[in-house]
Amino acid sequence: MTIETMVQQGRDRVHTGLAGIDVQRLKAMRNASLRDCFRRLEDTRYRLEFVARICGREYINDAASRSVNATWYSLESMQGGVIWIADTPVAEADYSRLVPTALRKVRMLLVVGGESASMREAFEGVVPSIAVCGSMREALHQAYRYDADDVKVLYSPACANGFSTDECGERFRKEVNEL
């Protein structure tokens, strides 16, 4: 892969790619205990993973962000506006840490799976548009119809929703590919 190809995928992809190269080099080290530590960094699936570009809009799968802190990092990493797709939490969480970032970046919040009073309370008046969606398909169709330039669609659950990361990540990828 050339540098030009990596740059076309975006700054966050370049950093992830370069980190992957470093991890591969570190795994080749002779010290077995260091090698074992870095072997755990291998799985970066569903962590700011580019899925597709549809009509000029990028769809990013961040199903591995199952906490408020992980979602904060993901939102901060995004350039431009964001349509954020989150899951309804199994237990209520404190989303106050996300408010400053959401105020600057999130244009629309789509909550999948049902009503979450704590999410609505935390982001009411912060995010211009909040919608509760019955399914990932419905959320992606609303994101697709959203009329704005320079926005990315980010699926970052911000909570444990009762499903595995693999299930959520694959569901998002499948639904995006069916748009």
N, C-alpha and C. Protein backbone atom coordinates (compact mmCIF):
# COMPACT_ATOMS: atom_id res chain seq x y z
N MET A 1 0.85 -1.17 0.00
CA MET A 1 0.00 0.00 0.00
C MET A 1 0.90 1.24 0.00
N THR A 2 0.55 2.19 -0.82
CA THR A 2 1.34 3.41 -0.90
C THR A 2 0.85 4.43 0.12
N ILE A 3 1.69 5.42 0.41
CA ILE A 3 1.30 6.50 1.32
C ILE A 3 0.09 7.24 0.77
N GLU A 4 0.05 7.45 -0.55
CA GLU A 4 -1.07 8.17 -1.16
C GLU A 4 -2.39 7.44 -0.91
N THR A 5 -2.36 6.12 -1.03
CA THR A 5 -3.57 5.33 -0.79
C THR A 5 -4.02 5.47 0.66
N MET A 6 -3.06 5.42 1.58
CA MET A 6 -3.41 5.57 3.00
C MET A 6 -3.98 6.95 3.28
N VAL A 7 -3.41 7.98 2.70
CA VAL A 7 -3.87 9.34 2.94
C VAL A 7 -5.29 9.53 2.43
N GLN A 8 -5.63 8.91 1.33
CA GLN A 8 -6.98 9.02 0.78
C GLN A 8 -8.01 8.44 1.74
N GLN A 9 -7.61 7.51 2.58
CA GLN A 9 -8.55 6.89 3.52
C GLN A 9 -8.78 7.75 4.75
N GLY A 10 -8.00 8.77 4.96
CA GLY A 10 -8.20 9.67 6.10
C GLY A 10 -7.11 9.54 7.14
N ARG A 11 -6.96 10.60 7.91
CA ARG A 11 -5.90 10.68 8.91
C ARG A 11 -6.00 9.57 9.95
N ASP A 12 -7.21 9.27 10.42
CA ASP A 12 -7.35 8.23 11.44
C ASP A 12 -6.93 6.87 10.91
N ARG A 13 -7.17 6.60 9.63
CA ARG A 13 -6.75 5.33 9.03
C ARG A 13 -5.23 5.25 8.91
N VAL A 14 -4.58 6.39 8.62
CA VAL A 14 -3.13 6.40 8.52
C VAL A 14 -2.52 6.03 9.87
N HIS A 15 -3.04 6.64 10.94
CA HIS A 15 -2.51 6.35 12.28
C HIS A 15 -2.72 4.89 12.64
N THR A 16 -3.90 4.36 12.34
CA THR A 16 -4.17 2.96 12.64
C THR A 16 -3.26 2.05 11.84
N GLY A 17 -3.06 2.37 10.57
CA GLY A 17 -2.18 1.56 9.71
C GLY A 17 -0.75 1.57 10.20
N LEU A 18 -0.25 2.75 10.55
CA LEU A 18 1.13 2.84 11.04
C LEU A 18 1.28 2.13 12.38
N ALA A 19 0.27 2.23 13.23
CA ALA A 19 0.31 1.50 14.51
C ALA A 19 0.34 0.00 14.26
N GLY A 20 -0.39 -0.46 13.26
CA GLY A 20 -0.38 -1.89 12.91
C GLY A 20 1.00 -2.35 12.47
N ILE A 21 1.68 -1.51 11.71
CA ILE A 21 3.04 -1.84 11.27
C ILE A 21 3.96 -1.94 12.48
N ASP A 22 3.84 -0.98 13.40
CA ASP A 22 4.66 -1.01 14.62
C ASP A 22 4.38 -2.26 15.44
N VAL A 23 3.11 -2.64 15.54
CA VAL A 23 2.75 -3.83 16.30
C VAL A 23 3.40 -5.06 15.67
N GLN A 24 3.36 -5.15 14.34
CA GLN A 24 3.98 -6.30 13.67
C GLN A 24 5.49 -6.35 13.94
N ARG A 25 6.14 -5.21 13.92
CA ARG A 25 7.58 -5.16 14.22
C ARG A 25 7.85 -5.57 15.66
N LEU A 26 7.02 -5.07 16.58
CA LEU A 26 7.22 -5.39 17.99
C LEU A 26 7.00 -6.88 18.26
N LYS A 27 6.10 -7.51 17.53
CA LYS A 27 5.85 -8.94 17.72
C LYS A 27 7.05 -9.77 17.30
N ALA A 28 7.85 -9.23 16.41
CA ALA A 28 9.04 -9.96 15.94
C ALA A 28 10.20 -9.86 16.93
N MET A 29 10.03 -9.14 18.00
CA MET A 29 11.09 -8.99 19.00
C MET A 29 11.44 -10.33 19.63
N ARG A 30 12.63 -10.44 20.11
CA ARG A 30 13.08 -11.70 20.71
C ARG A 30 12.54 -11.91 22.13
N ASN A 31 12.27 -10.84 22.83
CA ASN A 31 11.79 -10.95 24.19
C ASN A 31 10.34 -11.46 24.18
N ALA A 32 10.15 -12.67 24.68
CA ALA A 32 8.84 -13.34 24.61
C ALA A 32 7.76 -12.58 25.39
N SER A 33 8.09 -12.03 26.55
CA SER A 33 7.06 -11.35 27.34
C SER A 33 6.59 -10.07 26.65
N LEU A 34 7.51 -9.32 26.02
CA LEU A 34 7.10 -8.14 25.26
C LEU A 34 6.25 -8.55 24.05
N ARG A 35 6.66 -9.60 23.39
CA ARG A 35 5.92 -10.08 22.23
C ARG A 35 4.49 -10.46 22.63
N ASP A 36 4.34 -11.11 23.77
CA ASP A 36 3.01 -11.51 24.23
C ASP A 36 2.13 -10.30 24.54
N CYS A 37 2.73 -9.25 25.11
CA CYS A 37 1.96 -8.03 25.41
C CYS A 37 1.39 -7.42 24.13
N PHE A 38 2.17 -7.36 23.09
CA PHE A 38 1.72 -6.73 21.86
C PHE A 38 0.84 -7.64 21.01
N ARG A 39 0.83 -8.91 21.29
CA ARG A 39 -0.04 -9.83 20.56
C ARG A 39 -1.51 -9.48 20.82
N ARG A 40 -1.80 -8.93 22.01
CA ARG A 40 -3.18 -8.58 22.35
C ARG A 40 -3.69 -7.37 21.57
N LEU A 41 -2.79 -6.58 20.97
CA LEU A 41 -3.21 -5.41 20.20
C LEU A 41 -3.66 -5.76 18.79
N GLU A 42 -3.59 -7.04 18.46
CA GLU A 42 -3.86 -7.49 17.10
C GLU A 42 -5.27 -7.18 16.62
N ASP A 43 -6.26 -7.33 17.47
CA ASP A 43 -7.64 -7.21 17.04
C ASP A 43 -8.10 -5.76 17.09
N THR A 44 -8.15 -5.12 15.93
CA THR A 44 -8.65 -3.74 15.86
C THR A 44 -9.95 -3.69 15.07
N ARG A 45 -10.56 -4.84 14.87
CA ARG A 45 -11.85 -4.84 14.19
C ARG A 45 -12.85 -4.04 15.01
N TYR A 46 -13.71 -3.36 14.30
CA TYR A 46 -14.78 -2.58 14.91
C TYR A 46 -14.26 -1.40 15.75
N ARG A 47 -13.05 -0.97 15.49
CA ARG A 47 -12.50 0.20 16.20
C ARG A 47 -12.16 1.25 15.15
N LEU A 48 -13.08 2.22 14.95
CA LEU A 48 -12.94 3.25 13.91
C LEU A 48 -12.64 2.62 12.56
N GLU A 49 -13.37 1.58 12.25
CA GLU A 49 -13.18 0.81 11.02
C GLU A 49 -14.01 1.42 9.88
N PHE A 50 -13.32 1.80 8.82
CA PHE A 50 -14.00 2.32 7.64
C PHE A 50 -14.79 1.18 7.00
N VAL A 51 -16.10 1.41 6.74
CA VAL A 51 -16.93 0.38 6.13
C VAL A 51 -17.21 0.70 4.67
N ALA A 52 -17.65 1.92 4.39
CA ALA A 52 -18.00 2.28 3.01
C ALA A 52 -18.10 3.80 2.87
N ARG A 53 -18.03 4.22 1.62
CA ARG A 53 -18.32 5.61 1.26
C ARG A 53 -19.49 5.54 0.30
N ILE A 54 -20.62 6.11 0.72
CA ILE A 54 -21.84 6.06 -0.08
C ILE A 54 -22.28 7.50 -0.33
N CYS A 55 -22.38 7.85 -1.59
CA CYS A 55 -22.75 9.21 -1.99
C CYS A 55 -21.85 10.25 -1.30
N GLY A 56 -20.58 9.95 -1.20
CA GLY A 56 -19.62 10.87 -0.62
C GLY A 56 -19.57 10.89 0.89
N ARG A 57 -20.38 10.09 1.55
CA ARG A 57 -20.44 10.06 3.02
C ARG A 57 -19.79 8.79 3.54
N GLU A 58 -18.87 8.95 4.50
CA GLU A 58 -18.19 7.80 5.09
C GLU A 58 -19.01 7.19 6.22
N TYR A 59 -18.97 5.86 6.29
CA TYR A 59 -19.63 5.11 7.35
C TYR A 59 -18.54 4.40 8.14
N ILE A 60 -18.47 4.72 9.44
CA ILE A 60 -17.40 4.23 10.31
C ILE A 60 -18.00 3.33 11.38
N ASN A 61 -17.44 2.13 11.50
CA ASN A 61 -17.90 1.12 12.46
C ASN A 61 -17.01 1.17 13.70
N ASP A 62 -17.57 1.59 14.80
CA ASP A 62 -16.83 1.67 16.05
C ASP A 62 -17.56 0.88 17.14
N ALA A 63 -18.02 -0.30 16.77
CA ALA A 63 -18.81 -1.13 17.69
C ALA A 63 -18.02 -1.51 18.94
N ALA A 64 -16.70 -1.44 18.88
CA ALA A 64 -15.88 -1.78 20.05
C ALA A 64 -15.93 -0.70 21.13
N SER A 65 -16.44 0.47 20.82
CA SER A 65 -16.55 1.55 21.81
C SER A 65 -17.80 1.32 22.66
N ARG A 66 -17.63 0.56 23.71
CA ARG A 66 -18.76 0.17 24.53
C ARG A 66 -18.76 0.88 25.88
N SER A 67 -18.10 2.04 25.91
CA SER A 67 -18.12 2.86 27.13
C SER A 67 -18.16 4.33 26.71
N VAL A 68 -18.51 5.19 27.65
CA VAL A 68 -18.55 6.62 27.37
C VAL A 68 -17.16 7.13 27.00
N ASN A 69 -16.13 6.66 27.70
CA ASN A 69 -14.77 7.11 27.40
C ASN A 69 -14.32 6.71 26.00
N ALA A 70 -14.62 5.48 25.59
CA ALA A 70 -14.23 5.03 24.27
C ALA A 70 -14.96 5.82 23.19
N THR A 71 -16.22 6.11 23.40
CA THR A 71 -16.98 6.90 22.43
C THR A 71 -16.47 8.34 22.40
N TRP A 72 -16.09 8.88 23.54
CA TRP A 72 -15.51 10.22 23.57
C TRP A 72 -14.28 10.28 22.66
N TYR A 73 -13.40 9.30 22.78
CA TYR A 73 -12.19 9.26 21.95
C TYR A 73 -12.57 9.20 20.47
N SER A 74 -13.54 8.39 20.14
CA SER A 74 -13.95 8.22 18.74
C SER A 74 -14.53 9.51 18.18
N LEU A 75 -15.40 10.16 18.94
CA LEU A 75 -15.97 11.42 18.48
C LEU A 75 -14.88 12.48 18.32
N GLU A 76 -13.95 12.54 19.24
CA GLU A 76 -12.85 13.49 19.15
C GLU A 76 -11.98 13.22 17.92
N SER A 77 -11.88 11.98 17.51
CA SER A 77 -11.04 11.60 16.36
C SER A 77 -11.65 12.00 15.02
N MET A 78 -12.95 12.23 14.99
CA MET A 78 -13.64 12.54 13.75
C MET A 78 -13.34 13.97 13.29
N GLN A 79 -13.12 14.12 11.99
CA GLN A 79 -12.96 15.44 11.38
C GLN A 79 -14.30 15.84 10.77
N GLY A 80 -14.74 17.06 11.00
CA GLY A 80 -16.02 17.52 10.45
C GLY A 80 -17.18 17.08 11.32
N GLY A 81 -18.38 17.22 10.76
CA GLY A 81 -19.59 16.86 11.48
C GLY A 81 -19.81 15.36 11.53
N VAL A 82 -20.61 14.94 12.50
CA VAL A 82 -20.84 13.51 12.73
C VAL A 82 -22.33 13.26 12.91
N ILE A 83 -22.80 12.21 12.27
CA ILE A 83 -24.10 11.63 12.60
C ILE A 83 -23.74 10.43 13.48
N TRP A 84 -24.09 10.52 14.75
CA TRP A 84 -23.69 9.51 15.72
C TRP A 84 -24.84 8.54 15.95
N ILE A 85 -24.57 7.26 15.72
CA ILE A 85 -25.53 6.21 16.01
C ILE A 85 -25.07 5.52 17.29
N ALA A 86 -25.92 5.56 18.32
CA ALA A 86 -25.62 4.95 19.62
C ALA A 86 -26.67 3.89 19.92
N ASP A 87 -26.36 3.05 20.88
CA ASP A 87 -27.32 2.03 21.32
C ASP A 87 -27.98 2.45 22.62
N THR A 88 -29.16 1.92 22.85
CA THR A 88 -29.83 2.14 24.12
C THR A 88 -29.11 1.30 25.17
N PRO A 89 -28.67 1.93 26.25
CA PRO A 89 -27.92 1.18 27.26
C PRO A 89 -28.80 0.23 28.05
N VAL A 90 -28.17 -0.86 28.50
CA VAL A 90 -28.86 -1.79 29.38
C VAL A 90 -29.04 -1.13 30.74
N ALA A 91 -28.02 -0.41 31.19
CA ALA A 91 -28.09 0.36 32.43
C ALA A 91 -27.80 1.82 32.09
N GLU A 92 -28.39 2.74 32.85
CA GLU A 92 -28.18 4.17 32.57
C GLU A 92 -26.71 4.53 32.80
N ALA A 93 -26.22 5.47 32.01
CA ALA A 93 -24.83 5.92 32.11
C ALA A 93 -24.79 7.43 32.21
N ASP A 94 -23.64 7.94 32.61
CA ASP A 94 -23.44 9.38 32.71
C ASP A 94 -22.78 9.86 31.42
N TYR A 95 -23.55 10.55 30.59
CA TYR A 95 -23.06 11.02 29.29
C TYR A 95 -22.51 12.44 29.34
N SER A 96 -22.41 13.03 30.52
CA SER A 96 -22.01 14.44 30.62
C SER A 96 -20.62 14.70 30.02
N ARG A 97 -19.74 13.72 30.05
CA ARG A 97 -18.40 13.91 29.48
C ARG A 97 -18.46 14.09 27.96
N LEU A 98 -19.48 13.56 27.33
CA LEU A 98 -19.61 13.65 25.88
C LEU A 98 -20.23 14.97 25.40
N VAL A 99 -20.84 15.72 26.30
CA VAL A 99 -21.58 16.92 25.91
C VAL A 99 -20.71 17.95 25.17
N PRO A 100 -19.53 18.34 25.69
CA PRO A 100 -18.74 19.34 24.95
C PRO A 100 -18.36 18.90 23.53
N THR A 101 -17.99 17.64 23.38
CA THR A 101 -17.63 17.12 22.06
C THR A 101 -18.86 17.05 21.17
N ALA A 102 -19.97 16.58 21.71
CA ALA A 102 -21.21 16.51 20.93
C ALA A 102 -21.65 17.89 20.46
N LEU A 103 -21.48 18.88 21.30
CA LEU A 103 -21.85 20.25 20.96
C LEU A 103 -21.08 20.74 19.73
N ARG A 104 -19.80 20.37 19.64
CA ARG A 104 -18.96 20.81 18.52
C ARG A 104 -19.11 19.96 17.27
N LYS A 105 -19.41 18.66 17.42
CA LYS A 105 -19.29 17.77 16.26
C LYS A 105 -20.57 17.06 15.83
N VAL A 106 -21.42 16.71 16.76
CA VAL A 106 -22.57 15.85 16.42
C VAL A 106 -23.71 16.70 15.86
N ARG A 107 -24.13 16.36 14.64
CA ARG A 107 -25.23 17.06 13.98
C ARG A 107 -26.56 16.33 14.21
N MET A 108 -26.45 15.02 14.38
CA MET A 108 -27.66 14.21 14.60
C MET A 108 -27.28 13.02 15.47
N LEU A 109 -28.11 12.70 16.45
CA LEU A 109 -27.93 11.53 17.31
C LEU A 109 -29.09 10.58 17.05
N LEU A 110 -28.74 9.36 16.68
CA LEU A 110 -29.73 8.32 16.43
C LEU A 110 -29.52 7.23 17.47
N VAL A 111 -30.52 7.01 18.32
CA VAL A 111 -30.43 6.01 19.38
C VAL A 111 -31.19 4.77 18.93
N VAL A 112 -30.48 3.65 18.83
CA VAL A 112 -31.07 2.41 18.33
C VAL A 112 -31.57 1.57 19.50
N GLY A 113 -32.78 1.05 19.37
CA GLY A 113 -33.26 0.06 20.31
C GLY A 113 -34.33 0.52 21.27
N GLY A 114 -34.70 1.75 21.25
CA GLY A 114 -35.75 2.20 22.16
C GLY A 114 -35.35 3.46 22.90
N GLU A 115 -36.23 3.92 23.72
CA GLU A 115 -36.04 5.18 24.43
C GLU A 115 -34.99 5.05 25.53
N SER A 116 -34.16 6.04 25.63
CA SER A 116 -33.20 6.13 26.72
C SER A 116 -33.31 7.54 27.28
N ALA A 117 -33.97 7.66 28.40
CA ALA A 117 -34.21 8.98 28.99
C ALA A 117 -32.91 9.70 29.31
N SER A 118 -31.91 8.96 29.77
CA SER A 118 -30.65 9.63 30.14
C SER A 118 -29.94 10.20 28.91
N MET A 119 -30.01 9.52 27.78
CA MET A 119 -29.39 10.05 26.56
C MET A 119 -30.13 11.29 26.07
N ARG A 120 -31.44 11.22 26.07
CA ARG A 120 -32.22 12.36 25.62
C ARG A 120 -31.98 13.57 26.52
N GLU A 121 -31.97 13.34 27.83
CA GLU A 121 -31.72 14.44 28.78
C GLU A 121 -30.33 15.03 28.59
N ALA A 122 -29.33 14.17 28.39
CA ALA A 122 -27.94 14.64 28.27
C ALA A 122 -27.72 15.47 27.01
N PHE A 123 -28.40 15.13 25.91
CA PHE A 123 -28.10 15.76 24.63
C PHE A 123 -29.19 16.69 24.10
N GLU A 124 -30.30 16.80 24.81
CA GLU A 124 -31.36 17.74 24.42
C GLU A 124 -30.80 19.16 24.48
N GLY A 125 -30.93 19.91 23.40
CA GLY A 125 -30.40 21.26 23.34
C GLY A 125 -28.92 21.32 22.99
N VAL A 126 -28.26 20.18 22.93
CA VAL A 126 -26.84 20.10 22.58
C VAL A 126 -26.69 19.65 21.13
N VAL A 127 -27.42 18.60 20.78
CA VAL A 127 -27.41 18.05 19.43
C VAL A 127 -28.66 18.56 18.72
N PRO A 128 -28.51 19.12 17.51
CA PRO A 128 -29.67 19.69 16.81
C PRO A 128 -30.81 18.72 16.55
N SER A 129 -30.49 17.44 16.34
CA SER A 129 -31.53 16.48 16.01
C SER A 129 -31.27 15.16 16.75
N ILE A 130 -32.27 14.69 17.49
CA ILE A 130 -32.18 13.41 18.19
C ILE A 130 -33.38 12.58 17.78
N ALA A 131 -33.13 11.32 17.42
CA ALA A 131 -34.22 10.42 17.04
C ALA A 131 -33.98 9.06 17.66
N VAL A 132 -35.05 8.42 18.06
CA VAL A 132 -35.00 7.06 18.57
C VAL A 132 -35.44 6.15 17.43
N CYS A 133 -34.65 5.14 17.14
CA CYS A 133 -34.91 4.24 16.01
C CYS A 133 -35.12 2.82 16.53
N GLY A 134 -36.01 2.11 15.88
CA GLY A 134 -36.30 0.75 16.29
C GLY A 134 -35.26 -0.26 15.87
N SER A 135 -34.44 0.08 14.88
CA SER A 135 -33.44 -0.86 14.38
C SER A 135 -32.26 -0.11 13.78
N MET A 136 -31.19 -0.84 13.56
CA MET A 136 -30.01 -0.26 12.90
C MET A 136 -30.37 0.15 11.48
N ARG A 137 -31.17 -0.63 10.81
CA ARG A 137 -31.59 -0.30 9.44
C ARG A 137 -32.29 1.06 9.40
N GLU A 138 -33.23 1.26 10.32
CA GLU A 138 -33.95 2.54 10.38
C GLU A 138 -32.99 3.70 10.66
N ALA A 139 -32.05 3.50 11.58
CA ALA A 139 -31.08 4.55 11.89
C ALA A 139 -30.22 4.89 10.67
N LEU A 140 -29.78 3.89 9.96
CA LEU A 140 -28.94 4.13 8.77
C LEU A 140 -29.73 4.82 7.66
N HIS A 141 -31.00 4.49 7.52
CA HIS A 141 -31.82 5.17 6.51
C HIS A 141 -32.03 6.64 6.88
N GLN A 142 -32.20 6.93 8.16
CA GLN A 142 -32.31 8.33 8.58
C GLN A 142 -31.00 9.07 8.35
N ALA A 143 -29.88 8.41 8.65
CA ALA A 143 -28.57 9.03 8.43
C ALA A 143 -28.34 9.27 6.94
N TYR A 144 -28.76 8.33 6.13
CA TYR A 144 -28.59 8.46 4.68
C TYR A 144 -29.37 9.65 4.13
N ARG A 145 -30.57 9.87 4.67
CA ARG A 145 -31.43 10.96 4.20
C ARG A 145 -31.05 12.32 4.78
N TYR A 146 -30.20 12.35 5.80
CA TYR A 146 -29.82 13.61 6.43
C TYR A 146 -29.13 14.50 5.41
N ASP A 147 -29.62 15.71 5.26
CA ASP A 147 -29.12 16.62 4.22
C ASP A 147 -28.07 17.56 4.78
N ALA A 148 -26.81 17.16 4.64
CA ALA A 148 -25.70 18.01 5.07
C ALA A 148 -24.43 17.52 4.40
N ASP A 149 -23.54 18.44 4.13
CA ASP A 149 -22.25 18.08 3.57
C ASP A 149 -21.25 17.87 4.70
N ASP A 150 -20.20 17.18 4.39
CA ASP A 150 -19.07 17.00 5.30
C ASP A 150 -19.48 16.39 6.65
N VAL A 151 -20.31 15.36 6.61
CA VAL A 151 -20.61 14.61 7.83
C VAL A 151 -20.25 13.15 7.60
N LYS A 152 -19.83 12.50 8.67
CA LYS A 152 -19.55 11.07 8.66
C LYS A 152 -20.58 10.40 9.55
N VAL A 153 -20.90 9.17 9.22
CA VAL A 153 -21.81 8.40 10.04
C VAL A 153 -20.96 7.48 10.91
N LEU A 154 -21.07 7.66 12.21
CA LEU A 154 -20.26 6.90 13.17
C LEU A 154 -21.17 6.06 14.05
N TYR A 155 -20.98 4.74 13.99
CA TYR A 155 -21.67 3.86 14.92
C TYR A 155 -20.73 3.62 16.10
N SER A 156 -21.08 4.19 17.24
CA SER A 156 -20.30 4.05 18.46
C SER A 156 -21.28 3.90 19.61
N PRO A 157 -21.53 2.67 20.07
CA PRO A 157 -22.62 2.40 21.01
C PRO A 157 -22.60 3.20 22.32
N ALA A 158 -21.42 3.46 22.87
CA ALA A 158 -21.26 4.19 24.13
C ALA A 158 -21.80 3.42 25.33
N CYS A 159 -22.10 2.14 25.15
CA CYS A 159 -22.63 1.36 26.26
C CYS A 159 -22.57 -0.12 25.92
N ALA A 160 -22.72 -0.93 26.93
CA ALA A 160 -22.91 -2.37 26.72
C ALA A 160 -24.41 -2.54 26.51
N ASN A 161 -24.77 -3.15 25.40
CA ASN A 161 -26.19 -3.20 25.04
C ASN A 161 -26.77 -4.61 25.11
N GLY A 162 -26.03 -5.54 25.67
CA GLY A 162 -26.53 -6.89 25.78
C GLY A 162 -26.11 -7.79 24.63
N PHE A 163 -25.48 -7.24 23.60
CA PHE A 163 -24.98 -8.01 22.46
C PHE A 163 -23.47 -7.95 22.43
N SER A 164 -22.85 -8.91 21.77
CA SER A 164 -21.39 -8.90 21.68
C SER A 164 -20.93 -7.84 20.67
N THR A 165 -19.67 -7.44 20.80
CA THR A 165 -19.08 -6.48 19.86
C THR A 165 -19.15 -7.02 18.44
N ASP A 166 -18.86 -8.32 18.28
CA ASP A 166 -18.91 -8.92 16.94
C ASP A 166 -20.31 -8.84 16.34
N GLU A 167 -21.33 -9.14 17.14
CA GLU A 167 -22.71 -9.07 16.64
C GLU A 167 -23.06 -7.66 16.19
N CYS A 168 -22.74 -6.69 17.03
CA CYS A 168 -23.06 -5.29 16.71
C CYS A 168 -22.27 -4.80 15.51
N GLY A 169 -20.99 -5.12 15.47
CA GLY A 169 -20.15 -4.70 14.35
C GLY A 169 -20.60 -5.30 13.03
N GLU A 170 -20.92 -6.57 13.04
CA GLU A 170 -21.37 -7.23 11.80
C GLU A 170 -22.74 -6.73 11.37
N ARG A 171 -23.61 -6.46 12.33
CA ARG A 171 -24.95 -5.93 12.01
C ARG A 171 -24.81 -4.58 11.32
N PHE A 172 -23.96 -3.70 11.85
CA PHE A 172 -23.74 -2.38 11.25
C PHE A 172 -23.18 -2.54 9.83
N ARG A 173 -22.15 -3.35 9.69
CA ARG A 173 -21.51 -3.55 8.38
C ARG A 173 -22.51 -4.09 7.37
N LYS A 174 -23.30 -5.06 7.76
CA LYS A 174 -24.30 -5.66 6.86
C LYS A 174 -25.32 -4.62 6.41
N GLU A 175 -25.83 -3.84 7.36
CA GLU A 175 -26.86 -2.84 7.03
C GLU A 175 -26.30 -1.72 6.15
N VAL A 176 -25.06 -1.31 6.40
CA VAL A 176 -24.44 -0.29 5.54
C VAL A 176 -24.31 -0.82 4.12
N ASN A 177 -23.86 -2.03 3.98
CA ASN A 177 -23.67 -2.62 2.65
C ASN A 177 -24.97 -2.85 1.90
N GLU A 178 -26.09 -2.83 2.62
CA GLU A 178 -27.39 -2.98 1.97
C GLU A 178 -28.05 -1.64 1.64
N LEU A 179 -27.41 -0.53 2.02
CA LEU A 179 -27.98 0.80 1.69
C LEU A 179 -28.05 1.01 0.20
